[in-house]
Each structure stands twice: as structure tokens, then as C-alpha cells.
Amino acid sequence: MDIEPVDIAPRQSFPWAVLRQRWEDLTFLHWAVAPETVAPLLPVGTRPDTIDGVTYVGLIGFRMVGLGFGRGPAVPYFGTRRCHGTG
């Protein structure tokens, strides 16, 4: 399998989706960490990117809403079934 380069206009298109979902109530948290602390956690042959001598670890929390198959109804327990409103 060839790895497609990252591009704003990928060559491969997806004519239909198997799943659909929305992400709501997103939170992005990042911490500066010493690269030598992160390096052992990465796959062999990779190394952490650094900015000004540190690498950043991130945690992204979100709530999935309306997770379902194709155009069918939302699936209970795999995301919030409500598609509108809060909570």
C-alpha cells in the first residue's frame, strides 16, 4: 500500500461514509514536556518534534453526538443520541 502525501486536495475520494458523527464541547489541553520523557513512548525509529527544546503532549476531550451508520438513526451508547440542544 502506498502512503498518500498530506495534501489539501487528496487524490483518493470517499463516495460514501460508513459512520457519521459530530464532535461537540471540545477541549484542547497541551503540556510542555522534556523530549527524553516522551521518546520511549513513541514507536521505534521516531523521535518527538521539538519547539524551543521541548515537545508538547496533548489531550483532546469531546462529546460525540449523533453517531450512527450511514443515514440511519443514532446508535445508543456510542455517542449522545440527541442531535440538538445542550447537555
C-alpha atoms as a PDB file:
ATOM      1  CA  MET A   1       0.000   0.000   0.000  1.00  0.00           C
ATOM      2  CA  ASP A   2       1.379   3.398  -0.976  1.00  0.00           C
ATOM      3  CA  ILE A   3       1.195   6.175   1.575  1.00  0.00           C
ATOM      4  CA  GLU A   4      -0.519   9.204   0.110  1.00  0.00           C
ATOM      5  CA  PRO A   5       1.193  12.519   0.896  1.00  0.00           C
ATOM      6  CA  VAL A   6      -0.688  15.018   3.027  1.00  0.00           C
ATOM      7  CA  ASP A   7      -2.435  17.492   0.740  1.00  0.00           C
ATOM      8  CA  ILE A   8      -5.423  19.837   0.934  1.00  0.00           C
ATOM      9  CA  ALA A   9      -6.866  18.073  -2.127  1.00  0.00           C
ATOM     10  CA  PRO A  10      -6.280  14.311  -1.679  1.00  0.00           C
ATOM     11  CA  ARG A  11      -6.329  12.117  -4.780  1.00  0.00           C
ATOM     12  CA  GLN A  12      -8.458   9.482  -3.109  1.00  0.00           C
ATOM     13  CA  SER A  13     -12.101  10.305  -2.564  1.00  0.00           C
ATOM     14  CA  PHE A  14     -14.688   8.551  -0.442  1.00  0.00           C
ATOM     15  CA  PRO A  15     -18.040   8.250  -2.250  1.00  0.00           C
ATOM     16  CA  TRP A  16     -19.965   7.311   0.917  1.00  0.00           C
ATOM     17  CA  ALA A  17     -19.410   7.209   4.636  1.00  0.00           C
ATOM     18  CA  VAL A  18     -19.941   4.161   6.839  1.00  0.00           C
ATOM     19  CA  LEU A  19     -20.332   6.206  10.034  1.00  0.00           C
ATOM     20  CA  ARG A  20     -21.400   9.737  10.773  1.00  0.00           C
ATOM     21  CA  GLN A  21     -20.804  11.802  13.911  1.00  0.00           C
ATOM     22  CA  ARG A  22     -20.311  15.298  15.209  1.00  0.00           C
ATOM     23  CA  TRP A  23     -17.899  16.435  17.913  1.00  0.00           C
ATOM     24  CA  GLU A  24     -19.189  18.989  20.404  1.00  0.00           C
ATOM     25  CA  ASP A  25     -17.873  20.541  23.619  1.00  0.00           C
ATOM     26  CA  LEU A  26     -14.231  20.189  22.552  1.00  0.00           C
ATOM     27  CA  THR A  27     -11.374  20.888  24.931  1.00  0.00           C
ATOM     28  CA  PHE A  28      -7.733  21.016  23.858  1.00  0.00           C
ATOM     29  CA  LEU A  29      -5.098  20.763  26.618  1.00  0.00           C
ATOM     30  CA  HIS A  30      -1.348  20.835  25.976  1.00  0.00           C
ATOM     31  CA  TRP A  31       1.689  20.455  28.244  1.00  0.00           C
ATOM     32  CA  ALA A  32       5.351  21.181  27.551  1.00  0.00           C
ATOM     33  CA  VAL A  33       7.396  18.054  28.304  1.00  0.00           C
ATOM     34  CA  ALA A  34      11.080  17.161  28.014  1.00  0.00           C
ATOM     35  CA  PRO A  35      11.637  15.213  24.756  1.00  0.00           C
ATOM     36  CA  GLU A  36      13.583  12.485  26.574  1.00  0.00           C
ATOM     37  CA  THR A  37      10.495  11.766  28.684  1.00  0.00           C
ATOM     38  CA  VAL A  38       8.289  11.276  25.611  1.00  0.00           C
ATOM     39  CA  ALA A  39      10.785   9.443  23.350  1.00  0.00           C
ATOM     40  CA  PRO A  40      10.463   5.979  25.000  1.00  0.00           C
ATOM     41  CA  LEU A  41       6.684   6.097  24.452  1.00  0.00           C
ATOM     42  CA  LEU A  42       6.972   6.536  20.665  1.00  0.00           C
ATOM     43  CA  PRO A  43       7.359   3.775  18.058  1.00  0.00           C
ATOM     44  CA  VAL A  44      10.900   2.632  17.305  1.00  0.00           C
ATOM     45  CA  GLY A  45      12.608   4.893  14.782  1.00  0.00           C
ATOM     46  CA  THR A  46      10.590   8.006  15.594  1.00  0.00           C
ATOM     47  CA  ARG A  47      11.521  10.938  17.774  1.00  0.00           C
ATOM     48  CA  PRO A  48       9.449  13.745  19.232  1.00  0.00           C
ATOM     49  CA  ASP A  49       9.185  17.080  17.439  1.00  0.00           C
ATOM     50  CA  THR A  50      10.531  19.960  19.498  1.00  0.00           C
ATOM     51  CA  ILE A  51       9.947  23.683  19.717  1.00  0.00           C
ATOM     52  CA  ASP A  52      12.461  25.700  21.747  1.00  0.00           C
ATOM     53  CA  GLY A  53      13.829  22.482  23.265  1.00  0.00           C
ATOM     54  CA  VAL A  54      10.526  20.994  24.469  1.00  0.00           C
ATOM     55  CA  THR A  55       7.903  18.737  22.979  1.00  0.00           C
ATOM     56  CA  TYR A  56       4.181  19.079  23.615  1.00  0.00           C
ATOM     57  CA  VAL A  57       1.765  16.406  24.787  1.00  0.00           C
ATOM     58  CA  GLY A  58      -1.905  16.978  24.085  1.00  0.00           C
ATOM     59  CA  LEU A  59      -5.213  15.723  25.418  1.00  0.00           C
ATOM     60  CA  ILE A  60      -8.387  16.367  23.427  1.00  0.00           C
ATOM     61  CA  GLY A  61     -11.721  15.774  25.110  1.00  0.00           C
ATOM     62  CA  PHE A  62     -15.013  15.879  23.223  1.00  0.00           C
ATOM     63  CA  ARG A  63     -18.585  14.618  23.186  1.00  0.00           C
ATOM     64  CA  MET A  64     -19.734  12.590  20.166  1.00  0.00           C
ATOM     65  CA  VAL A  65     -23.228  13.466  19.020  1.00  0.00           C
ATOM     66  CA  GLY A  66     -25.428  11.597  16.570  1.00  0.00           C
ATOM     67  CA  LEU A  67     -23.038   8.684  15.969  1.00  0.00           C
ATOM     68  CA  GLY A  68     -24.745   6.309  13.581  1.00  0.00           C
ATOM     69  CA  PHE A  69     -24.386   4.163  10.493  1.00  0.00           C
ATOM     70  CA  GLY A  70     -24.851   5.919   7.165  1.00  0.00           C
ATOM     71  CA  ARG A  71     -28.139   7.825   7.128  1.00  0.00           C
ATOM     72  CA  GLY A  72     -29.737   5.658   9.817  1.00  0.00           C
ATOM     73  CA  PRO A  73     -30.621   6.743  13.358  1.00  0.00           C
ATOM     74  CA  ALA A  74     -28.030   7.405  16.047  1.00  0.00           C
ATOM     75  CA  VAL A  75     -26.791   4.310  17.901  1.00  0.00           C
ATOM     76  CA  PRO A  76     -27.399   4.374  21.678  1.00  0.00           C
ATOM     77  CA  TYR A  77     -24.342   4.177  23.970  1.00  0.00           C
ATOM     78  CA  PHE A  78     -21.885   5.028  21.148  1.00  0.00           C
ATOM     79  CA  GLY A  79     -22.447   8.751  21.481  1.00  0.00           C
ATOM     80  CA  THR A  80     -25.100  11.168  22.580  1.00  0.00           C
ATOM     81  CA  ARG A  81     -28.281  10.405  20.680  1.00  0.00           C
ATOM     82  CA  ARG A  82     -29.575  13.956  20.837  1.00  0.00           C
ATOM     83  CA  CYS A  83     -28.675  15.937  17.780  1.00  0.00           C
ATOM     84  CA  HIS A  84     -29.790  19.370  19.026  1.00  0.00           C
ATOM     85  CA  GLY A  85     -29.516  21.304  22.259  1.00  0.00           C
ATOM     86  CA  THR A  86     -27.027  21.007  25.073  1.00  0.00           C
ATOM     87  CA  GLY A  87     -26.297  18.502  27.782  1.00  0.00           C
END
